[in-house]
Every structure is written in structure tokens, then in C-alpha cells.
Amino acid sequence: MTYEPALRQELSFGDICEADFLYDVHVREDARAMGVEFASAKFATKRWNIDEEVPYYIPGIGIKAGQNYVLAHGVHQQAVLLSDDCLIATALGRDGAGPTNRRLLFAPVVEATEDEVAELAGGNFGRFPLPADAHDADDRIADLRRCFMVDARDVDAALKAGGFQVRSLDDATRDDLAIRWSAYALRRGPFVAEDNLEKFVEYLLITGRVDDEGAVIDAARALADVVAAAWGYEGRGVEGAGTAADDGRDPQEVIDRLVEELEQLRATADAALDALRKL
């Protein structure tokens, strides 16, 4: 599966969103500062049948202090939210506070064929596949290479107006997106580890350092398991501990989860050490 059958109650990492103002915006050398002028209500009524004063924007003319309009490139797209849940909650206002002027990070979501989505499942850092499932019949790709930011105040207004959230990723797909985003943005995490360890296997075999291909592959898999376990410890364990503290949950529950994750990390590290020593 890719999506939850229903939207998550709160706007969250991995939610697919749409709004008139969601543009895949980027700057090129032809970007220009914009000044704002106003057409009178009389002119606007005659020209556009709008009975009110209408602002219009002119590149490089009439720019005043405090104006920050820019002419740039952009394509209207659906977008996946990449900011983490804690930042989202803070930006939209905690405990009844209003939204802040922080920005939330999005990546455009583009239509794709089934073959394009299947091809990306193997190893592309910057493009994340969103295959069709029982809840949505369309194949899509989240293009992490083209991120843009949106003011949280406008996101808050769009949420209140309704229709901003259109789909929520299920837990497994959210985890995969987090791993892929970390791979693209930081070159860290399980996805990057697998890529590097594949090179390691090829290098050992090509150089003749090891003749037993099976032993090399087993060692690489064991090393990848360590990275995955460490990722789980940081996320489900340490991050989960912080979330539990915010929610006021039972501390023993937090301790049990940390112990569980650390035991898994220790076991996978021991297995990786044994595999390496056999090479």
C-alpha cells in the first residue's frame, strides 16, 4: 500500500497537498524584483469587471522598502510535505496559538507511468515513487530535487478553508520517504548505506581481496542491518522518547522501547563484526 484509507487528523510529514498557491518555484538568472502599483476601482471595473482597487506588479519599477515580490519560474503542482511533524505543529501554532511566519518545506508531486515508478524503487536518491494502490489509482513521483517552501500562515488558512490535504501516506511509505529524503538531503541513512555497500562488495571481488562472493554479500547485508537498526533507534527510540515526553506518556513505556531498540542494535552490530572477521 501507499496511502492511508483516510487523511491523518493533523497535517503531517508525507501528506500530499494541493492549493492554488502551490507552485514548484525556483530562481534563475532572469529573476527580477517586483514593485506593486494599484489600478483604481473605476479602471478595474471597466477593464476586469472587478469593483475594487486591484494591485498589479511591475518588474524593477516602483519598488519600496518592505516589498518583497519576485518574478521567478514555477509550475503549479500537487506537493508532498517534507517538514517534520514537530516543526509543522510549531509553525501552525501549538496550544491554541496562531500560525507563525515559519516556512514549511514541500516537494512537487508529478504524474508518472507504472514503469517509471517501478524503475525508481531500486535506487534514485532524488525521486521517490508513489505507486497506485487501492486508495488511489494514479502512479506519481515526488521530486525531492525541486523542493520549495511555503509560509505556514497560508498553509493554516488553506487547512481551515478545507481541501488542502488530499492524501496521507501510510506508515511504511512515510518511513521509506524519510529514508529517501535523508539520502538525498544529507547522503546518510539506510538507503545510502546500501548503495555504498554494494560498491564495497564489488570492490572486494574485483581486487581479489575475497574469493567467497557469498561471504562478502553476507557481510554487506550485516553492515546494512546495523545502519537500519541505528536508524530505528534514533527514530522509534530516541525521537519516540521525546514525543512520549511531549505527550506525557508512561516513562516505563519509553524505557522499554529504548531497551528494545538498543538490544536490536547490539545484536546487529555483533553479527556484522562476526561477518567482517570472516573475510
Protein backbone atom coordinates (compact mmCIF):
# COMPACT_ATOMS: atom_id res chain seq x y z
CA MET A 1 0.00 0.00 0.00
CA THR A 2 0.97 3.65 -0.41
CA TYR A 3 -1.77 5.70 1.22
CA GLU A 4 -3.91 5.62 4.34
CA PRO A 5 -7.61 4.98 3.67
CA ALA A 6 -8.38 8.35 5.31
CA LEU A 7 -6.47 11.57 5.93
CA ARG A 8 -4.42 11.87 9.09
CA GLN A 9 -6.12 14.01 11.70
CA GLU A 10 -3.27 16.55 11.75
CA LEU A 11 -1.23 17.80 8.82
CA SER A 12 1.86 15.56 8.83
CA PHE A 13 5.11 14.69 7.12
CA GLY A 14 4.32 12.88 3.88
CA ASP A 15 0.85 14.37 3.35
CA ILE A 16 0.04 15.17 -0.28
CA CYS A 17 -1.45 18.65 -0.59
CA GLU A 18 -2.94 20.89 -3.24
CA ALA A 19 -3.87 24.57 -3.40
CA ASP A 20 -3.96 27.38 -5.94
CA PHE A 21 -0.76 28.84 -4.48
CA LEU A 22 1.36 25.67 -4.51
CA TYR A 23 3.93 26.34 -7.21
CA ASP A 24 7.17 24.49 -7.84
CA VAL A 25 9.05 27.81 -7.66
CA HIS A 26 12.72 28.29 -8.45
CA VAL A 27 15.01 31.16 -9.31
CA ARG A 28 17.05 31.60 -12.49
CA GLU A 29 19.21 34.45 -13.74
CA ASP A 30 16.17 36.26 -15.11
CA ALA A 31 14.56 36.65 -11.65
CA ARG A 32 13.50 40.25 -11.05
CA ALA A 33 12.35 42.24 -8.05
CA MET A 34 8.78 43.48 -8.47
CA GLY A 35 7.18 46.75 -7.46
CA VAL A 36 3.48 46.92 -6.73
CA GLU A 37 1.10 49.54 -8.13
CA PHE A 38 -2.67 49.79 -7.92
CA ALA A 39 -5.38 50.12 -10.52
CA SER A 40 -8.28 52.23 -9.33
CA ALA A 41 -11.66 50.64 -8.72
CA LYS A 42 -13.08 52.62 -11.65
CA PHE A 43 -10.43 51.27 -14.04
CA ALA A 44 -10.65 47.74 -12.62
CA THR A 45 -14.42 47.73 -13.07
CA LYS A 46 -14.10 48.80 -16.68
CA ARG A 47 -11.13 46.56 -17.52
CA TRP A 48 -11.79 43.41 -15.49
CA ASN A 49 -15.30 43.89 -14.08
CA ILE A 50 -13.85 43.99 -10.54
CA ASP A 51 -15.39 46.69 -8.38
CA GLU A 52 -12.37 47.37 -6.17
CA GLU A 53 -8.80 48.63 -6.29
CA VAL A 54 -6.57 45.95 -7.83
CA PRO A 55 -2.80 45.55 -7.28
CA TYR A 56 -0.53 44.84 -10.22
CA TYR A 57 3.18 44.14 -10.31
CA ILE A 58 5.91 45.69 -12.43
CA PRO A 59 9.49 44.31 -12.65
CA GLY A 60 12.04 46.71 -11.20
CA ILE A 61 9.70 49.71 -11.05
CA GLY A 62 8.27 51.44 -8.01
CA ILE A 63 9.99 49.14 -5.51
CA LYS A 64 9.53 50.41 -1.96
CA ALA A 65 11.01 49.39 1.36
CA GLY A 66 9.30 46.32 2.78
CA GLN A 67 8.14 44.97 -0.58
CA ASN A 68 9.50 41.53 -1.38
CA TYR A 69 7.80 40.43 -4.58
CA VAL A 70 9.90 38.50 -7.10
CA LEU A 71 9.22 37.33 -10.65
CA ALA A 72 10.54 33.76 -10.94
CA HIS A 73 9.83 30.42 -12.57
CA GLY A 74 7.27 27.94 -11.28
CA VAL A 75 4.77 25.24 -12.17
CA HIS A 76 1.51 24.61 -10.36
CA GLN A 77 1.71 21.15 -8.74
CA GLN A 78 0.42 18.98 -6.00
CA ALA A 79 3.14 18.66 -3.36
CA VAL A 80 4.27 16.37 -0.57
CA LEU A 81 5.08 17.91 2.81
CA LEU A 82 8.68 17.21 3.93
CA SER A 83 8.87 19.23 7.15
CA ASP A 84 8.83 17.02 10.24
CA ASP A 85 5.75 16.75 12.42
CA CYS A 86 7.25 18.74 15.30
CA LEU A 87 8.10 21.69 13.06
CA ILE A 88 4.68 21.52 11.41
CA ALA A 89 2.93 21.71 14.78
CA THR A 90 5.13 24.62 15.88
CA ALA A 91 4.68 26.53 12.61
CA LEU A 92 0.90 26.12 12.63
CA GLY A 93 0.67 27.14 16.30
CA ARG A 94 0.71 24.98 19.40
CA ASP A 95 -1.81 25.09 22.27
CA GLY A 96 -4.17 27.44 20.52
CA ALA A 97 -1.52 29.89 19.36
CA GLY A 98 -1.83 31.23 15.85
CA PRO A 99 0.41 30.23 12.94
CA THR A 100 3.89 31.70 12.74
CA ASN A 101 5.74 33.12 9.76
CA ARG A 102 7.92 30.00 9.55
CA ARG A 103 8.08 28.17 6.25
CA LEU A 104 7.17 24.56 5.57
CA LEU A 105 9.10 22.51 3.02
CA PHE A 106 7.33 20.80 0.12
CA ALA A 107 8.41 18.80 -2.93
CA PRO A 108 6.32 18.69 -6.12
CA VAL A 109 4.39 15.52 -6.93
CA VAL A 110 4.23 14.73 -10.64
CA GLU A 111 2.29 12.22 -12.68
CA ALA A 112 4.17 9.12 -13.79
CA THR A 113 3.72 5.83 -15.60
CA GLU A 114 3.74 2.48 -13.83
CA ASP A 115 7.11 1.67 -15.43
CA GLU A 116 8.66 4.96 -14.25
CA VAL A 117 7.51 4.29 -10.69
CA ALA A 118 8.81 0.70 -10.77
CA GLU A 119 12.20 1.84 -12.07
CA LEU A 120 12.65 4.28 -9.17
CA ALA A 121 12.05 1.64 -6.50
CA GLY A 122 15.63 0.46 -6.87
CA GLY A 123 17.91 3.40 -6.25
CA ASN A 124 17.31 7.05 -7.09
CA PHE A 125 18.12 9.49 -4.29
CA GLY A 126 16.18 12.46 -5.64
CA ARG A 127 12.93 10.94 -6.92
CA PHE A 128 10.58 8.97 -4.67
CA PRO A 129 7.99 6.61 -6.22
CA LEU A 130 4.34 6.78 -5.13
CA PRO A 131 2.73 3.74 -6.77
CA ALA A 132 -1.00 3.46 -7.25
CA ASP A 133 -2.87 1.43 -4.66
CA ALA A 134 -6.42 0.57 -3.59
CA HIS A 135 -6.95 4.13 -2.34
CA ASP A 136 -5.61 5.97 -5.40
CA ALA A 137 -5.41 4.63 -8.93
CA ASP A 138 -2.71 7.03 -10.20
CA ASP A 139 1.05 6.49 -10.19
CA ARG A 140 3.10 9.52 -9.11
CA ILE A 141 6.63 10.59 -8.24
CA ALA A 142 7.71 13.01 -5.50
CA ASP A 143 10.59 15.01 -6.96
CA LEU A 144 12.83 15.75 -3.97
CA ARG A 145 15.25 17.65 -6.22
CA ARG A 146 12.77 20.51 -6.66
CA CYS A 147 11.80 21.47 -3.11
CA PHE A 148 10.14 24.80 -2.33
CA MET A 149 8.92 26.50 0.84
CA VAL A 150 5.50 27.88 1.81
CA ASP A 151 4.58 30.34 4.55
CA ALA A 152 2.85 28.49 7.41
CA ARG A 153 0.23 31.24 7.69
CA ASP A 154 -1.04 30.45 4.20
CA VAL A 155 -0.96 26.72 4.89
CA ASP A 156 -3.03 27.32 8.02
CA ALA A 157 -5.58 29.37 6.06
CA ALA A 158 -5.80 26.68 3.38
CA LEU A 159 -6.35 23.97 6.01
CA LYS A 160 -9.19 25.96 7.56
CA ALA A 161 -10.76 26.52 4.14
CA GLY A 162 -10.67 22.75 3.50
CA GLY A 163 -9.35 20.60 0.70
CA PHE A 164 -5.65 21.27 1.30
CA GLN A 165 -4.78 17.72 2.39
CA VAL A 166 -5.70 15.26 -0.34
CA ARG A 167 -3.87 12.05 0.69
CA SER A 168 -1.82 10.76 3.63
CA LEU A 169 0.96 8.20 3.22
CA ASP A 170 0.73 5.03 5.27
CA ASP A 171 3.34 4.41 7.97
CA ALA A 172 5.59 2.18 5.86
CA THR A 173 5.66 4.62 2.95
CA ARG A 174 6.29 7.53 5.33
CA ASP A 175 9.30 5.64 6.72
CA ASP A 176 10.58 4.98 3.20
CA LEU A 177 10.13 8.63 2.28
CA ALA A 178 12.06 9.73 5.38
CA ILE A 179 14.91 7.37 4.44
CA ARG A 180 14.93 8.60 0.84
CA TRP A 181 14.76 12.26 1.89
CA SER A 182 17.67 11.75 4.27
CA ALA A 183 19.61 10.08 1.46
CA TYR A 184 19.01 12.99 -0.89
CA ALA A 185 19.42 15.86 1.57
CA LEU A 186 22.24 14.51 3.76
CA ARG A 187 23.68 11.46 1.98
CA ARG A 188 23.02 9.49 5.17
CA GLY A 189 20.77 6.65 6.28
CA PRO A 190 19.93 3.07 5.21
CA PHE A 191 19.34 3.88 1.55
CA VAL A 192 22.80 5.44 1.16
CA ALA A 193 24.38 2.64 3.18
CA GLU A 194 23.01 0.01 0.81
CA ASP A 195 24.37 1.91 -2.18
CA ASN A 196 27.83 2.26 -0.61
CA LEU A 197 27.95 -1.37 0.50
CA GLU A 198 27.10 -2.57 -3.00
CA LYS A 199 30.23 -0.71 -4.15
CA PHE A 200 32.15 -2.31 -1.28
CA VAL A 201 31.13 -5.80 -2.40
CA GLU A 202 32.15 -5.12 -5.99
CA TYR A 203 35.47 -3.63 -4.87
CA LEU A 204 36.43 -6.63 -2.72
CA LEU A 205 35.59 -9.05 -5.51
CA ILE A 206 37.29 -7.07 -8.27
CA THR A 207 40.51 -6.65 -6.28
CA GLY A 208 40.55 -10.32 -5.36
CA ARG A 209 40.72 -9.48 -1.66
CA VAL A 210 37.99 -12.09 -1.08
CA ASP A 211 37.10 -15.07 -3.26
CA ASP A 212 33.92 -16.10 -1.47
CA GLU A 213 31.21 -13.90 -3.02
CA GLY A 214 28.59 -15.23 -0.61
CA ALA A 215 30.66 -14.23 2.43
CA VAL A 216 31.12 -10.70 1.08
CA ILE A 217 27.40 -10.30 0.40
CA ASP A 218 26.54 -11.61 3.88
CA ALA A 219 28.94 -9.11 5.44
CA ALA A 220 27.49 -6.24 3.42
CA ARG A 221 23.97 -7.19 4.44
CA ALA A 222 25.03 -7.39 8.08
CA LEU A 223 26.59 -3.93 7.88
CA ALA A 224 23.43 -2.57 6.25
CA ASP A 225 21.38 -4.07 9.09
CA VAL A 226 23.47 -2.08 11.58
CA VAL A 227 22.62 1.18 9.81
CA ALA A 228 18.93 0.24 9.67
CA ALA A 229 18.94 -0.65 13.37
CA ALA A 230 20.66 2.62 14.25
CA TRP A 231 18.09 4.48 12.16
CA GLY A 232 15.32 2.72 14.08
CA TYR A 233 16.95 3.51 17.41
CA GLU A 234 17.21 7.20 16.54
CA GLY A 235 13.65 7.36 15.20
CA ARG A 236 11.39 4.93 17.05
CA GLY A 237 13.63 5.01 20.11
CA VAL A 238 15.14 8.43 20.77
CA GLU A 239 12.71 10.55 18.78
CA GLY A 240 9.86 8.46 20.15
CA ALA A 241 11.10 9.20 23.66
CA GLY A 242 10.89 12.92 23.01
CA THR A 243 7.39 12.57 21.57
CA ALA A 244 6.29 10.48 24.55
CA ALA A 245 7.61 13.18 26.90
CA ASP A 246 5.65 15.84 24.99
CA ASP A 247 2.52 13.68 25.25
CA GLY A 248 3.05 12.81 28.93
CA ARG A 249 3.05 9.05 28.34
CA ASP A 250 4.27 6.42 30.83
CA PRO A 251 8.10 6.72 31.19
CA GLN A 252 8.42 2.94 31.53
CA GLU A 253 6.96 2.55 28.05
CA VAL A 254 9.72 4.83 26.76
CA ILE A 255 12.44 2.92 28.61
CA ASP A 256 11.16 -0.43 27.30
CA ARG A 257 11.25 0.85 23.74
CA LEU A 258 14.78 2.23 24.13
CA VAL A 259 15.97 -1.09 25.57
CA GLU A 260 14.34 -2.99 22.71
CA GLU A 261 15.94 -0.79 20.06
CA LEU A 262 19.37 -0.91 21.73
CA GLU A 263 19.26 -4.68 22.01
CA GLN A 264 18.48 -4.92 18.33
CA LEU A 265 21.32 -2.52 17.54
CA ARG A 266 23.76 -4.54 19.67
CA ALA A 267 22.71 -7.82 18.05
CA THR A 268 23.08 -6.48 14.52
CA ALA A 269 26.46 -4.90 15.37
CA ASP A 270 27.73 -8.21 16.78
CA ALA A 271 26.54 -10.04 13.67
CA ALA A 272 28.28 -7.51 11.41
CA LEU A 273 31.54 -7.84 13.37
CA ASP A 274 31.43 -11.64 13.03
CA ALA A 275 30.81 -11.38 9.29
CA LEU A 276 33.68 -8.92 8.79
CA ARG A 277 36.12 -11.08 10.75
CA LYS A 278 35.41 -13.98 8.41
CA LEU A 279 36.53 -12.03 5.33
